[in-house]
């Protein structure tokens, strides 16, 4: 299902999940982001169940619940640029910037062409 991602990477995510929980078209796009960025993409978070989201005070409407979102570990400005630039070039236009990660999602039911931050 994925060229650059294997099951054990999803088991290390918070919360642990499975590659099969992810939307196949989104994983194809994520493989393409990886190729274009030219760097490994280490996932902090991928699929989250609605129950997990609600247990953590969230409404359960996250794109993570659809298997169409990931949070990618990012520790430098250069890698952040490479990830975001590749995502935008490939048409992924919902991006969140955290201090140590980049969120990318492909939810066509939510506002498009947005970049937000998690710095509060």
PDB file of N, CA and C in Angstrom:
ATOM      1  N   UNK A   1       0.819  -1.208   0.000  1.00  0.00           N
ATOM      2  CA  UNK A   1       0.000   0.000   0.000  1.00  0.00           C
ATOM      3  C   UNK A   1       0.852   1.256   0.000  1.00  0.00           C
ATOM      4  N   UNK A   2       2.047   1.197   0.573  1.00  0.00           N
ATOM      5  CA  UNK A   2       2.901   2.384   0.621  1.00  0.00           C
ATOM      6  C   UNK A   2       4.314   2.004   0.192  1.00  0.00           C
ATOM      7  N   UNK A   3       4.958   2.914  -0.465  1.00  0.00           N
ATOM      8  CA  UNK A   3       6.317   2.670  -0.946  1.00  0.00           C
ATOM      9  C   UNK A   3       7.352   2.920   0.152  1.00  0.00           C
ATOM     10  N   UNK A   4       7.168   4.001   0.925  1.00  0.00           N
ATOM     11  CA  UNK A   4       8.177   4.403   1.907  1.00  0.00           C
ATOM     12  C   UNK A   4       7.772   4.152   3.361  1.00  0.00           C
ATOM     13  N   UNK A   5       6.589   3.658   3.598  1.00  0.00           N
ATOM     14  CA  UNK A   5       6.094   3.495   4.964  1.00  0.00           C
ATOM     15  C   UNK A   5       5.754   2.039   5.227  1.00  0.00           C
ATOM     16  N   UNK A   6       6.089   1.575   6.427  1.00  0.00           N
ATOM     17  CA  UNK A   6       5.830   0.185   6.803  1.00  0.00           C
ATOM     18  C   UNK A   6       5.007   0.148   8.091  1.00  0.00           C
ATOM     19  N   UNK A   7       4.404  -0.990   8.337  1.00  0.00           N
ATOM     20  CA  UNK A   7       3.500  -1.171   9.475  1.00  0.00           C
ATOM     21  C   UNK A   7       4.111  -0.724  10.804  1.00  0.00           C
ATOM     22  N   UNK A   8       5.354  -1.079  11.062  1.00  0.00           N
ATOM     23  CA  UNK A   8       5.945  -0.770  12.378  1.00  0.00           C
ATOM     24  C   UNK A   8       6.004   0.736  12.656  1.00  0.00           C
ATOM     25  N   UNK A   9       6.082   1.550  11.607  1.00  0.00           N
ATOM     26  CA  UNK A   9       6.074   3.001  11.821  1.00  0.00           C
ATOM     27  C   UNK A   9       4.747   3.468  12.400  1.00  0.00           C
ATOM     28  N   UNK A  10       3.663   2.846  11.985  1.00  0.00           N
ATOM     29  CA  UNK A  10       2.337   3.225  12.471  1.00  0.00           C
ATOM     30  C   UNK A  10       2.119   2.734  13.895  1.00  0.00           C
ATOM     31  N   UNK A  11       2.793   1.656  14.268  1.00  0.00           N
ATOM     32  CA  UNK A  11       2.711   1.155  15.634  1.00  0.00           C
ATOM     33  C   UNK A  11       3.424   2.093  16.602  1.00  0.00           C
ATOM     34  N   UNK A  12       4.363   2.906  16.115  1.00  0.00           N
ATOM     35  CA  UNK A  12       5.101   3.860  16.946  1.00  0.00           C
ATOM     36  C   UNK A  12       4.391   5.209  17.066  1.00  0.00           C
ATOM     37  N   UNK A  13       3.343   5.409  16.282  1.00  0.00           N
ATOM     38  CA  UNK A  13       2.599   6.673  16.330  1.00  0.00           C
ATOM     39  C   UNK A  13       1.832   6.792  17.638  1.00  0.00           C
ATOM     40  N   UNK A  14       1.452   8.013  17.946  1.00  0.00           N
ATOM     41  CA  UNK A  14       0.573   8.271  19.091  1.00  0.00           C
ATOM     42  C   UNK A  14      -0.748   8.775  18.552  1.00  0.00           C
ATOM     43  N   UNK A  15      -1.812   7.984  18.732  1.00  0.00           N
ATOM     44  CA  UNK A  15      -1.839   6.619  19.253  1.00  0.00           C
ATOM     45  C   UNK A  15      -1.356   5.634  18.197  1.00  0.00           C
ATOM     46  N   UNK A  16      -0.973   4.447  18.652  1.00  0.00           N
ATOM     47  CA  UNK A  16      -0.564   3.398  17.720  1.00  0.00           C
ATOM     48  C   UNK A  16      -1.741   3.081  16.801  1.00  0.00           C
ATOM     49  N   UNK A  17      -1.426   2.819  15.544  1.00  0.00           N
ATOM     50  CA  UNK A  17      -2.461   2.480  14.564  1.00  0.00           C
ATOM     51  C   UNK A  17      -1.848   1.515  13.562  1.00  0.00           C
ATOM     52  N   UNK A  18      -2.546   1.307  12.456  1.00  0.00           N
ATOM     53  CA  UNK A  18      -2.080   0.383  11.425  1.00  0.00           C
ATOM     54  C   UNK A  18      -2.038   1.102  10.076  1.00  0.00           C
ATOM     55  N   UNK A  19      -1.141   0.670   9.248  1.00  0.00           N
ATOM     56  CA  UNK A  19      -1.071   1.201   7.890  1.00  0.00           C
ATOM     57  C   UNK A  19      -2.419   1.033   7.197  1.00  0.00           C
ATOM     58  N   UNK A  20      -3.101  -0.066   7.463  1.00  0.00           N
ATOM     59  CA  UNK A  20      -4.397  -0.322   6.831  1.00  0.00           C
ATOM     60  C   UNK A  20      -5.490   0.638   7.290  1.00  0.00           C
ATOM     61  N   UNK A  21      -5.252   1.387   8.390  1.00  0.00           N
ATOM     62  CA  UNK A  21      -6.209   2.402   8.839  1.00  0.00           C
ATOM     63  C   UNK A  21      -6.187   3.644   7.949  1.00  0.00           C
ATOM     64  N   UNK A  22      -5.121   3.782   7.173  1.00  0.00           N
ATOM     65  CA  UNK A  22      -4.917   4.987   6.379  1.00  0.00           C
ATOM     66  C   UNK A  22      -5.609   4.883   5.019  1.00  0.00           C
ATOM     67  N   UNK A  23      -6.044   6.016   4.519  1.00  0.00           N
ATOM     68  CA  UNK A  23      -6.660   6.097   3.199  1.00  0.00           C
ATOM     69  C   UNK A  23      -5.581   5.821   2.133  1.00  0.00           C
ATOM     70  N   UNK A  24      -5.794   4.846   1.244  1.00  0.00           N
ATOM     71  CA  UNK A  24      -4.769   4.514   0.246  1.00  0.00           C
ATOM     72  C   UNK A  24      -4.367   5.678  -0.660  1.00  0.00           C
ATOM     73  N   UNK A  25      -5.314   6.494  -1.079  1.00  0.00           N
ATOM     74  CA  UNK A  25      -4.974   7.637  -1.943  1.00  0.00           C
ATOM     75  C   UNK A  25      -4.110   8.647  -1.184  1.00  0.00           C
ATOM     76  N   UNK A  26      -4.408   8.833   0.101  1.00  0.00           N
ATOM     77  CA  UNK A  26      -3.591   9.746   0.907  1.00  0.00           C
ATOM     78  C   UNK A  26      -2.176   9.190   1.065  1.00  0.00           C
ATOM     79  N   UNK A  27      -2.049   7.893   1.276  1.00  0.00           N
ATOM     80  CA  UNK A  27      -0.723   7.300   1.417  1.00  0.00           C
ATOM     81  C   UNK A  27       0.074   7.433   0.122  1.00  0.00           C
ATOM     82  N   UNK A  28      -0.593   7.328  -1.009  1.00  0.00           N
ATOM     83  CA  UNK A  28       0.080   7.548  -2.280  1.00  0.00           C
ATOM     84  C   UNK A  28       0.628   8.971  -2.346  1.00  0.00           C
ATOM     85  N   UNK A  29      -0.175   9.931  -1.921  1.00  0.00           N
ATOM     86  CA  UNK A  29       0.281  11.328  -1.907  1.00  0.00           C
ATOM     87  C   UNK A  29       1.446  11.509  -0.930  1.00  0.00           C
ATOM     88  N   UNK A  30       1.381  10.849   0.226  1.00  0.00           N
ATOM     89  CA  UNK A  30       2.451  10.968   1.214  1.00  0.00           C
ATOM     90  C   UNK A  30       3.754  10.377   0.673  1.00  0.00           C
ATOM     91  N   UNK A  31       3.664   9.270  -0.053  1.00  0.00           N
ATOM     92  CA  UNK A  31       4.856   8.729  -0.713  1.00  0.00           C
ATOM     93  C   UNK A  31       5.433   9.741  -1.698  1.00  0.00           C
ATOM     94  N   UNK A  32       4.574  10.420  -2.410  1.00  0.00           N
ATOM     95  CA  UNK A  32       5.036  11.424  -3.378  1.00  0.00           C
ATOM     96  C   UNK A  32       5.659  12.622  -2.666  1.00  0.00           C
ATOM     97  N   UNK A  33       5.101  13.016  -1.503  1.00  0.00           N
ATOM     98  CA  UNK A  33       5.713  14.090  -0.698  1.00  0.00           C
ATOM     99  C   UNK A  33       7.115  13.667  -0.292  1.00  0.00           C
ATOM    100  N   UNK A  34       7.250  12.431   0.159  1.00  0.00           N
ATOM    101  CA  UNK A  34       8.553  11.908   0.583  1.00  0.00           C
ATOM    102  C   UNK A  34       9.554  11.971  -0.573  1.00  0.00           C
ATOM    103  N   UNK A  35       9.147  11.544  -1.752  1.00  0.00           N
ATOM    104  CA  UNK A  35      10.044  11.568  -2.915  1.00  0.00           C
ATOM    105  C   UNK A  35      10.463  12.985  -3.272  1.00  0.00           C
ATOM    106  N   UNK A  36       9.514  13.883  -3.302  1.00  0.00           N
ATOM    107  CA  UNK A  36       9.807  15.262  -3.695  1.00  0.00           C
ATOM    108  C   UNK A  36      10.626  15.990  -2.627  1.00  0.00           C
ATOM    109  N   UNK A  37      10.329  15.749  -1.363  1.00  0.00           N
ATOM    110  CA  UNK A  37      11.082  16.393  -0.285  1.00  0.00           C
ATOM    111  C   UNK A  37      12.514  15.862  -0.221  1.00  0.00           C
ATOM    112  N   UNK A  38      12.690  14.613  -0.577  1.00  0.00           N
ATOM    113  CA  UNK A  38      14.028  14.029  -0.592  1.00  0.00           C
ATOM    114  C   UNK A  38      14.583  13.717   0.783  1.00  0.00           C
ATOM    115  N   UNK A  39      13.707  13.627   1.780  1.00  0.00           N
ATOM    116  CA  UNK A  39      14.127  13.293   3.141  1.00  0.00           C
ATOM    117  C   UNK A  39      13.144  12.283   3.725  1.00  0.00           C
ATOM    118  N   UNK A  40      13.595  11.477   4.692  1.00  0.00           N
ATOM    119  CA  UNK A  40      12.660  10.557   5.351  1.00  0.00           C
ATOM    120  C   UNK A  40      11.570  11.343   6.075  1.00  0.00           C
ATOM    121  N   UNK A  41      10.371  10.794   6.102  1.00  0.00           N
ATOM    122  CA  UNK A  41       9.272  11.396   6.846  1.00  0.00           C
ATOM    123  C   UNK A  41       8.964  10.483   8.023  1.00  0.00           C
ATOM    124  N   UNK A  42       9.257  10.953   9.224  1.00  0.00           N
ATOM    125  CA  UNK A  42       9.003  10.181  10.439  1.00  0.00           C
ATOM    126  C   UNK A  42       7.663  10.639  11.002  1.00  0.00           C
ATOM    127  N   UNK A  43       6.743   9.707  11.169  1.00  0.00           N
ATOM    128  CA  UNK A  43       5.394  10.046  11.608  1.00  0.00           C
ATOM    129  C   UNK A  43       5.286  10.048  13.125  1.00  0.00           C
ATOM    130  N   UNK A  44       4.737  11.140  13.666  1.00  0.00           N
ATOM    131  CA  UNK A  44       4.408  11.207  15.092  1.00  0.00           C
ATOM    132  C   UNK A  44       3.002  10.683  15.327  1.00  0.00           C
ATOM    133  N   UNK A  45       2.104  11.000  14.400  1.00  0.00           N
ATOM    134  CA  UNK A  45       0.698  10.646  14.536  1.00  0.00           C
ATOM    135  C   UNK A  45       0.120  10.420  13.149  1.00  0.00           C
ATOM    136  N   UNK A  46      -0.779   9.442  13.064  1.00  0.00           N
ATOM    137  CA  UNK A  46      -1.455   9.161  11.788  1.00  0.00           C
ATOM    138  C   UNK A  46      -2.941   8.969  12.097  1.00  0.00           C
ATOM    139  N   UNK A  47      -3.462   7.771  11.921  1.00  0.00           N
ATOM    140  CA  UNK A  47      -4.883   7.524  12.193  1.00  0.00           C
ATOM    141  C   UNK A  47      -5.177   7.642  13.688  1.00  0.00           C
ATOM    142  N   UNK A  48      -6.303   8.288  13.987  1.00  0.00           N
ATOM    143  CA  UNK A  48      -6.819   8.358  15.362  1.00  0.00           C
ATOM    144  C   UNK A  48      -8.308   8.027  15.301  1.00  0.00           C
ATOM    145  N   UNK A  49      -8.757   7.152  16.168  1.00  0.00           N
ATOM    146  CA  UNK A  49     -10.187   6.835  16.206  1.00  0.00           C
ATOM    147  C   UNK A  49     -10.953   8.010  16.806  1.00  0.00           C
ATOM    148  N   UNK A  50     -12.237   8.068  16.502  1.00  0.00           N
ATOM    149  CA  UNK A  50     -13.089   9.108  17.099  1.00  0.00           C
ATOM    150  C   UNK A  50     -13.118   8.959  18.606  1.00  0.00           C
ATOM    151  N   UNK A  51     -13.131   7.728  19.086  1.00  0.00           N
ATOM    152  CA  UNK A  51     -13.138   7.484  20.536  1.00  0.00           C
ATOM    153  C   UNK A  51     -11.863   8.027  21.177  1.00  0.00           C
ATOM    154  N   UNK A  52     -10.711   7.820  20.539  1.00  0.00           N
ATOM    155  CA  UNK A  52      -9.450   8.330  21.078  1.00  0.00           C
ATOM    156  C   UNK A  52      -9.484   9.853  21.113  1.00  0.00           C
ATOM    157  N   UNK A  53      -9.942  10.452  20.034  1.00  0.00           N
ATOM    158  CA  UNK A  53     -10.037  11.913  19.972  1.00  0.00           C
ATOM    159  C   UNK A  53     -10.922  12.449  21.109  1.00  0.00           C
ATOM    160  N   UNK A  54     -12.085  11.862  21.275  1.00  0.00           N
ATOM    161  CA  UNK A  54     -13.020  12.331  22.306  1.00  0.00           C
ATOM    162  C   UNK A  54     -12.460  12.114  23.704  1.00  0.00           C
ATOM    163  N   UNK A  55     -11.745  11.017  23.915  1.00  0.00           N
ATOM    164  CA  UNK A  55     -11.131  10.752  25.222  1.00  0.00           C
ATOM    165  C   UNK A  55     -10.048  11.773  25.557  1.00  0.00           C
ATOM    166  N   UNK A  56      -9.557  12.467  24.552  1.00  0.00           N
ATOM    167  CA  UNK A  56      -8.529  13.494  24.744  1.00  0.00           C
ATOM    168  C   UNK A  56      -9.089  14.901  24.584  1.00  0.00           C
ATOM    169  N   UNK A  57     -10.399  15.039  24.775  1.00  0.00           N
ATOM    170  CA  UNK A  57     -11.029  16.356  24.790  1.00  0.00           C
ATOM    171  C   UNK A  57     -11.263  16.979  23.436  1.00  0.00           C
ATOM    172  N   UNK A  58     -11.197  16.188  22.394  1.00  0.00           N
ATOM    173  CA  UNK A  58     -11.408  16.694  21.040  1.00  0.00           C
ATOM    174  C   UNK A  58     -12.783  16.260  20.545  1.00  0.00           C
ATOM    175  N   UNK A  59     -13.313  16.932  19.532  1.00  0.00           N
ATOM    176  CA  UNK A  59     -14.679  16.616  19.089  1.00  0.00           C
ATOM    177  C   UNK A  59     -14.826  15.339  18.259  1.00  0.00           C
ATOM    178  N   UNK A  60     -13.728  14.748  17.807  1.00  0.00           N
ATOM    179  CA  UNK A  60     -13.825  13.535  16.996  1.00  0.00           C
ATOM    180  C   UNK A  60     -14.052  13.801  15.526  1.00  0.00           C
ATOM    181  N   UNK A  61     -13.792  15.023  15.091  1.00  0.00           N
ATOM    182  CA  UNK A  61     -13.994  15.391  13.685  1.00  0.00           C
ATOM    183  C   UNK A  61     -12.671  15.603  12.937  1.00  0.00           C
ATOM    184  N   UNK A  62     -11.593  15.230  13.554  1.00  0.00           N
ATOM    185  CA  UNK A  62     -10.275  15.409  12.948  1.00  0.00           C
ATOM    186  C   UNK A  62     -10.142  14.601  11.665  1.00  0.00           C
ATOM    187  N   UNK A  63      -9.387  15.116  10.738  1.00  0.00           N
ATOM    188  CA  UNK A  63      -9.096  14.386   9.511  1.00  0.00           C
ATOM    189  C   UNK A  63      -8.266  13.143   9.809  1.00  0.00           C
ATOM    190  N   UNK A  64      -7.582  13.122  10.944  1.00  0.00           N
ATOM    191  CA  UNK A  64      -6.872  11.913  11.366  1.00  0.00           C
ATOM    192  C   UNK A  64      -7.846  10.738  11.462  1.00  0.00           C
ATOM    193  N   UNK A  65      -9.096  11.015  11.832  1.00  0.00           N
ATOM    194  CA  UNK A  65     -10.123   9.963  11.972  1.00  0.00           C
ATOM    195  C   UNK A  65     -10.516   9.358  10.630  1.00  0.00           C
ATOM    196  N   UNK A  66     -10.209  10.042   9.551  1.00  0.00           N
ATOM    197  CA  UNK A  66     -10.489   9.531   8.205  1.00  0.00           C
ATOM    198  C   UNK A  66      -9.279   8.816   7.601  1.00  0.00           C
ATOM    199  N   UNK A  67      -8.150   8.846   8.322  1.00  0.00           N
ATOM    200  CA  UNK A  67      -6.924   8.274   7.772  1.00  0.00           C
ATOM    201  C   UNK A  67      -6.343   9.113   6.655  1.00  0.00           C
ATOM    202  N   UNK A  68      -6.663  10.419   6.682  1.00  0.00           N
ATOM    203  CA  UNK A  68      -6.193  11.327   5.634  1.00  0.00           C
ATOM    204  C   UNK A  68      -5.325  12.443   6.205  1.00  0.00           C
ATOM    205  N   UNK A  69      -4.688  12.177   7.351  1.00  0.00           N
ATOM    206  CA  UNK A  69      -3.835  13.193   7.969  1.00  0.00           C
ATOM    207  C   UNK A  69      -2.681  12.525   8.703  1.00  0.00           C
ATOM    208  N   UNK A  70      -1.552  13.219   8.722  1.00  0.00           N
ATOM    209  CA  UNK A  70      -0.394  12.783   9.496  1.00  0.00           C
ATOM    210  C   UNK A  70       0.277  13.994  10.115  1.00  0.00           C
ATOM    211  N   UNK A  71       0.979  13.746  11.213  1.00  0.00           N
ATOM    212  CA  UNK A  71       1.878  14.722  11.801  1.00  0.00           C
ATOM    213  C   UNK A  71       3.281  14.173  11.603  1.00  0.00           C
ATOM    214  N   UNK A  72       4.117  14.940  10.922  1.00  0.00           N
ATOM    215  CA  UNK A  72       5.461  14.503  10.551  1.00  0.00           C
ATOM    216  C   UNK A  72       6.472  15.209  11.442  1.00  0.00           C
ATOM    217  N   UNK A  73       7.333  14.425  12.088  1.00  0.00           N
ATOM    218  CA  UNK A  73       8.373  14.993  12.947  1.00  0.00           C
ATOM    219  C   UNK A  73       9.255  15.928  12.126  1.00  0.00           C
ATOM    220  N   UNK A  74       9.572  17.064  12.720  1.00  0.00           N
ATOM    221  CA  UNK A  74      10.353  18.069  12.006  1.00  0.00           C
ATOM    222  C   UNK A  74      11.185  18.843  13.019  1.00  0.00           C
ATOM    223  N   UNK A  75      12.512  18.788  12.881  1.00  0.00           N
ATOM    224  CA  UNK A  75      13.368  19.418  13.872  1.00  0.00           C
ATOM    225  C   UNK A  75      14.225  20.560  13.329  1.00  0.00           C
ATOM    226  N   UNK A  76      14.039  20.913  12.056  1.00  0.00           N
ATOM    227  CA  UNK A  76      14.830  22.027  11.523  1.00  0.00           C
ATOM    228  C   UNK A  76      13.997  22.838  10.539  1.00  0.00           C
ATOM    229  N   UNK A  77      14.380  24.080  10.387  1.00  0.00           N
ATOM    230  CA  UNK A  77      13.689  24.948   9.438  1.00  0.00           C
ATOM    231  C   UNK A  77      13.831  24.417   8.012  1.00  0.00           C
ATOM    232  N   UNK A  78      14.996  23.855   7.692  1.00  0.00           N
ATOM    233  CA  UNK A  78      15.228  23.342   6.338  1.00  0.00           C
ATOM    234  C   UNK A  78      14.322  22.146   6.038  1.00  0.00           C
ATOM    235  N   UNK A  79      14.189  21.225   6.978  1.00  0.00           N
ATOM    236  CA  UNK A  79      13.317  20.075   6.723  1.00  0.00           C
ATOM    237  C   UNK A  79      11.857  20.512   6.692  1.00  0.00           C
ATOM    238  N   UNK A  80      11.492  21.466   7.534  1.00  0.00           N
ATOM    239  CA  UNK A  80      10.114  22.002   7.507  1.00  0.00           C
ATOM    240  C   UNK A  80       9.807  22.581   6.134  1.00  0.00           C
ATOM    241  N   UNK A  81      10.724  23.341   5.593  1.00  0.00           N
ATOM    242  CA  UNK A  81      10.538  23.923   4.260  1.00  0.00           C
ATOM    243  C   UNK A  81      10.383  22.826   3.207  1.00  0.00           C
ATOM    244  N   UNK A  82      11.237  21.816   3.256  1.00  0.00           N
ATOM    245  CA  UNK A  82      11.183  20.746   2.258  1.00  0.00           C
ATOM    246  C   UNK A  82       9.846  20.013   2.295  1.00  0.00           C
ATOM    247  N   UNK A  83       9.354  19.737   3.499  1.00  0.00           N
ATOM    248  CA  UNK A  83       8.082  19.023   3.656  1.00  0.00           C
ATOM    249  C   UNK A  83       6.922  19.878   3.151  1.00  0.00           C
ATOM    250  N   UNK A  84       6.856  21.115   3.615  1.00  0.00           N
ATOM    251  CA  UNK A  84       5.753  21.998   3.227  1.00  0.00           C
ATOM    252  C   UNK A  84       5.797  22.291   1.735  1.00  0.00           C
ATOM    253  N   UNK A  85       6.972  22.576   1.220  1.00  0.00           N
ATOM    254  CA  UNK A  85       7.109  22.874  -0.205  1.00  0.00           C
ATOM    255  C   UNK A  85       6.646  21.684  -1.054  1.00  0.00           C
ATOM    256  N   UNK A  86       7.060  20.497  -0.701  1.00  0.00           N
ATOM    257  CA  UNK A  86       6.652  19.303  -1.456  1.00  0.00           C
ATOM    258  C   UNK A  86       5.144  19.106  -1.377  1.00  0.00           C
ATOM    259  N   UNK A  87       4.571  19.255  -0.192  1.00  0.00           N
ATOM    260  CA  UNK A  87       3.126  19.076  -0.034  1.00  0.00           C
ATOM    261  C   UNK A  87       2.351  20.061  -0.907  1.00  0.00           C
ATOM    262  N   UNK A  88       2.746  21.316  -0.871  1.00  0.00           N
ATOM    263  CA  UNK A  88       2.047  22.344  -1.652  1.00  0.00           C
ATOM    264  C   UNK A  88       2.205  22.070  -3.146  1.00  0.00           C
ATOM    265  N   UNK A  89       3.390  21.712  -3.579  1.00  0.00           N
ATOM    266  CA  UNK A  89       3.612  21.423  -5.003  1.00  0.00           C
ATOM    267  C   UNK A  89       2.741  20.275  -5.498  1.00  0.00           C
ATOM    268  N   UNK A  90       2.410  19.348  -4.592  1.00  0.00           N
ATOM    269  CA  UNK A  90       1.596  18.188  -4.959  1.00  0.00           C
ATOM    270  C   UNK A  90       0.097  18.430  -4.759  1.00  0.00           C
ATOM    271  N   UNK A  91      -0.256  19.633  -4.346  1.00  0.00           N
ATOM    272  CA  UNK A  91      -1.666  19.966  -4.212  1.00  0.00           C
ATOM    273  C   UNK A  91      -2.270  19.694  -2.850  1.00  0.00           C
ATOM    274  N   UNK A  92      -1.462  19.332  -1.872  1.00  0.00           N
ATOM    275  CA  UNK A  92      -1.965  19.186  -0.507  1.00  0.00           C
ATOM    276  C   UNK A  92      -1.994  20.580   0.102  1.00  0.00           C
ATOM    277  N   UNK A  93      -3.170  21.072   0.376  1.00  0.00           N
ATOM    278  CA  UNK A  93      -3.297  22.490   0.718  1.00  0.00           C
ATOM    279  C   UNK A  93      -3.934  22.714   2.094  1.00  0.00           C
ATOM    280  N   UNK A  94      -3.745  21.754   2.989  1.00  0.00           N
ATOM    281  CA  UNK A  94      -4.146  21.912   4.392  1.00  0.00           C
ATOM    282  C   UNK A  94      -2.945  21.517   5.242  1.00  0.00           C
ATOM    283  N   UNK A  95      -2.264  22.519   5.797  1.00  0.00           N
ATOM    284  CA  UNK A  95      -0.997  22.294   6.484  1.00  0.00           C
ATOM    285  C   UNK A  95      -1.006  23.016   7.826  1.00  0.00           C
ATOM    286  N   UNK A  96      -0.568  22.306   8.849  1.00  0.00           N
ATOM    287  CA  UNK A  96      -0.418  22.895  10.172  1.00  0.00           C
ATOM    288  C   UNK A  96       1.048  22.849  10.575  1.00  0.00           C
ATOM    289  N   UNK A  97       1.521  23.925  11.175  1.00  0.00           N
ATOM    290  CA  UNK A  97       2.928  24.020  11.570  1.00  0.00           C
ATOM    291  C   UNK A  97       3.026  24.028  13.096  1.00  0.00           C
ATOM    292  N   UNK A  98       3.710  23.035  13.628  1.00  0.00           N
ATOM    293  CA  UNK A  98       4.006  22.984  15.060  1.00  0.00           C
ATOM    294  C   UNK A  98       5.484  23.225  15.277  1.00  0.00           C
ATOM    295  N   UNK A  99       5.896  23.366  16.516  1.00  0.00           N
ATOM    296  CA  UNK A  99       7.318  23.599  16.799  1.00  0.00           C
ATOM    297  C   UNK A  99       8.179  22.411  16.396  1.00  0.00           C
ATOM    298  N   UNK A 100       7.625  21.197  16.514  1.00  0.00           N
ATOM    299  CA  UNK A 100       8.422  19.999  16.242  1.00  0.00           C
ATOM    300  C   UNK A 100       7.781  19.074  15.207  1.00  0.00           C
ATOM    301  N   UNK A 101       6.768  19.562  14.508  1.00  0.00           N
ATOM    302  CA  UNK A 101       6.103  18.719  13.521  1.00  0.00           C
ATOM    303  C   UNK A 101       5.376  19.555  12.481  1.00  0.00           C
ATOM    304  N   UNK A 102       5.042  18.894  11.368  1.00  0.00           N
ATOM    305  CA  UNK A 102       4.212  19.472  10.320  1.00  0.00           C
ATOM    306  C   UNK A 102       3.018  18.545  10.135  1.00  0.00           C
ATOM    307  N   UNK A 103       1.822  19.115  10.192  1.00  0.00           N
ATOM    308  CA  UNK A 103       0.588  18.368   9.936  1.00  0.00           C
ATOM    309  C   UNK A 103       0.235  18.557   8.469  1.00  0.00           C
ATOM    310  N   UNK A 104      -0.079  17.441   7.799  1.00  0.00           N
ATOM    311  CA  UNK A 104      -0.546  17.491   6.412  1.00  0.00           C
ATOM    312  C   UNK A 104      -1.826  16.688   6.338  1.00  0.00           C
ATOM    313  N   UNK A 105      -2.841  17.252   5.705  1.00  0.00           N
ATOM    314  CA  UNK A 105      -4.046  16.455   5.490  1.00  0.00           C
ATOM    315  C   UNK A 105      -4.662  16.746   4.135  1.00  0.00           C
ATOM    316  N   UNK A 106      -5.552  15.842   3.732  1.00  0.00           N
ATOM    317  CA  UNK A 106      -6.162  15.907   2.399  1.00  0.00           C
ATOM    318  C   UNK A 106      -7.682  15.910   2.494  1.00  0.00           C
ATOM    319  N   UNK A 107      -8.225  16.566   3.491  1.00  0.00           N
ATOM    320  CA  UNK A 107      -9.673  16.562   3.713  1.00  0.00           C
ATOM    321  C   UNK A 107     -10.342  17.582   2.808  1.00  0.00           C
ATOM    322  N   UNK A 108     -11.005  17.106   1.769  1.00  0.00           N
ATOM    323  CA  UNK A 108     -11.678  17.997   0.815  1.00  0.00           C
ATOM    324  C   UNK A 108     -12.978  18.566   1.382  1.00  0.00           C
ATOM    325  N   UNK A 109     -13.424  18.058   2.548  1.00  0.00           N
ATOM    326  CA  UNK A 109     -14.639  18.574   3.175  1.00  0.00           C
ATOM    327  C   UNK A 109     -14.370  19.773   4.080  1.00  0.00           C
ATOM    328  N   UNK A 110     -13.097  20.118   4.254  1.00  0.00           N
ATOM    329  CA  UNK A 110     -12.726  21.249   5.114  1.00  0.00           C
ATOM    330  C   UNK A 110     -12.123  22.362   4.264  1.00  0.00           C
ATOM    331  N   UNK A 111     -11.981  23.525   4.860  1.00  0.00           N
ATOM    332  CA  UNK A 111     -11.440  24.696   4.177  1.00  0.00           C
ATOM    333  C   UNK A 111     -10.113  24.358   3.496  1.00  0.00           C
ATOM    334  N   UNK A 112      -9.977  24.792   2.251  1.00  0.00           N
ATOM    335  CA  UNK A 112      -8.783  24.525   1.452  1.00  0.00           C
ATOM    336  C   UNK A 112      -7.848  25.737   1.447  1.00  0.00           C
ATOM    337  N   UNK A 113      -6.617  25.493   1.016  1.00  0.00           N
ATOM    338  CA  UNK A 113      -5.601  26.546   0.866  1.00  0.00           C
ATOM    339  C   UNK A 113      -5.364  27.290   2.171  1.00  0.00           C
ATOM    340  N   UNK A 114      -5.065  26.504   3.225  1.00  0.00           N
ATOM    341  CA  UNK A 114      -4.815  27.090   4.535  1.00  0.00           C
ATOM    342  C   UNK A 114      -3.538  26.510   5.145  1.00  0.00           C
ATOM    343  N   UNK A 115      -2.835  27.365   5.855  1.00  0.00           N
ATOM    344  CA  UNK A 115      -1.708  26.959   6.690  1.00  0.00           C
ATOM    345  C   UNK A 115      -1.955  27.606   8.050  1.00  0.00           C
ATOM    346  N   UNK A 116      -1.932  26.791   9.094  1.00  0.00           N
ATOM    347  CA  UNK A 116      -2.146  27.293  10.457  1.00  0.00           C
ATOM    348  C   UNK A 116      -0.985  26.875  11.334  1.00  0.00           C
ATOM    349  N   UNK A 117      -0.970  27.378  12.554  1.00  0.00           N
ATOM    350  CA  UNK A 117       0.099  27.033  13.490  1.00  0.00           C
ATOM    351  C   UNK A 117      -0.488  26.514  14.801  1.00  0.00           C
ATOM    352  N   UNK A 118       0.363  25.822  15.547  1.00  0.00           N
ATOM    353  CA  UNK A 118      -0.016  25.266  16.841  1.00  0.00           C
ATOM    354  C   UNK A 118       0.823  25.889  17.949  1.00  0.00           C
ATOM    355  N   UNK A 119       1.207  27.133  17.814  1.00  0.00           N
ATOM    356  CA  UNK A 119       2.158  27.744  18.745  1.00  0.00           C
ATOM    357  C   UNK A 119       1.537  28.341  19.994  1.00  0.00           C
ATOM    358  N   UNK A 120       0.226  28.325  20.140  1.00  0.00           N
ATOM    359  CA  UNK A 120      -0.395  28.950  21.313  1.00  0.00           C
ATOM    360  C   UNK A 120      -0.129  28.186  22.583  1.00  0.00           C
TER     361      UNK A 120
END
